[in-house]
């Protein structure tokens, strides 16, 4: 079985608070956006244990870099 970004339960494909999409089958695949009931963004848990409110105005490129595990991106001013 080959796993891809679409077969995870969460990914950074969509921007914060975007409409999620899925295929509605037994093994759902799709793209789920981060979101919350807080207006203007979402609380995000980082791997180091901190929780940060991230604004939904964050650029998609930076958002995807924050979600990368081994892309080598350097994220500074976000």
Protein backbone atom coordinates (compact mmCIF):
# COMPACT_ATOMS: atom_id res chain seq x y z
CA UNK A 1 0.00 0.00 0.00
CA UNK A 2 1.37 3.40 -0.94
CA UNK A 3 0.65 6.26 1.43
CA UNK A 4 0.59 9.83 0.28
CA UNK A 5 -0.31 13.21 1.71
CA UNK A 6 -3.97 12.63 0.77
CA UNK A 7 -4.18 9.46 2.87
CA UNK A 8 -3.26 11.08 6.17
CA UNK A 9 -5.84 12.27 8.65
CA UNK A 10 -4.34 15.76 8.56
CA UNK A 11 -2.03 17.67 6.29
CA UNK A 12 -1.02 21.23 5.41
CA UNK A 13 -2.33 21.21 1.84
CA UNK A 14 -5.06 23.77 2.54
CA UNK A 15 -4.72 27.13 4.28
CA UNK A 16 -6.03 27.66 7.82
CA UNK A 17 -9.85 27.79 7.98
CA UNK A 18 -10.31 26.69 4.35
CA UNK A 19 -13.10 24.28 3.48
CA UNK A 20 -11.94 20.68 3.93
CA UNK A 21 -12.70 18.05 1.31
CA UNK A 22 -12.88 14.27 1.33
CA UNK A 23 -14.19 11.42 -0.78
CA UNK A 24 -16.71 9.99 1.77
CA UNK A 25 -15.85 6.30 1.35
CA UNK A 26 -14.97 3.60 3.90
CA UNK A 27 -11.30 4.65 3.99
CA UNK A 28 -11.62 8.43 3.65
CA UNK A 29 -8.95 10.40 1.89
CA UNK A 30 -8.86 14.10 1.29
CA UNK A 31 -7.47 17.36 2.53
CA UNK A 32 -8.43 18.63 5.96
CA UNK A 33 -7.71 22.19 6.91
CA UNK A 34 -6.68 23.41 10.34
CA UNK A 35 -9.36 25.43 12.02
CA UNK A 36 -10.95 26.39 15.26
CA UNK A 37 -13.85 28.33 16.68
CA UNK A 38 -11.46 31.23 17.33
CA UNK A 39 -11.95 33.96 14.73
CA UNK A 40 -8.96 34.82 12.56
CA UNK A 41 -6.88 31.67 12.91
CA UNK A 42 -6.27 28.48 14.84
CA UNK A 43 -4.32 27.25 17.85
CA UNK A 44 -1.52 25.05 16.55
CA UNK A 45 0.37 22.43 18.59
CA UNK A 46 4.02 22.14 17.58
CA UNK A 47 6.18 19.05 18.04
CA UNK A 48 8.13 20.76 20.83
CA UNK A 49 4.93 20.99 22.90
CA UNK A 50 4.14 24.69 22.52
CA UNK A 51 0.77 25.94 21.36
CA UNK A 52 0.67 29.09 19.24
CA UNK A 53 -2.26 30.98 17.73
CA UNK A 54 -1.54 31.18 13.99
CA UNK A 55 -3.46 33.77 11.97
CA UNK A 56 -5.36 32.59 8.92
CA UNK A 57 -3.70 35.41 6.94
CA UNK A 58 -0.41 33.46 7.04
CA UNK A 59 0.82 32.77 3.51
CA UNK A 60 0.19 29.27 2.21
CA UNK A 61 3.89 28.79 1.44
CA UNK A 62 4.86 29.51 5.06
CA UNK A 63 1.99 27.37 6.38
CA UNK A 64 3.17 24.43 4.27
CA UNK A 65 6.76 24.97 5.43
CA UNK A 66 5.61 24.82 9.06
CA UNK A 67 3.98 21.47 8.33
CA UNK A 68 7.00 19.97 6.60
CA UNK A 69 8.93 17.33 8.42
CA UNK A 70 12.05 17.14 6.29
CA UNK A 71 11.86 19.77 3.56
CA UNK A 72 14.77 21.79 4.93
CA UNK A 73 12.75 25.01 4.91
CA UNK A 74 13.81 27.79 7.21
CA UNK A 75 10.86 29.64 8.68
CA UNK A 76 11.76 32.84 10.47
CA UNK A 77 9.30 35.76 10.42
CA UNK A 78 5.80 34.35 10.42
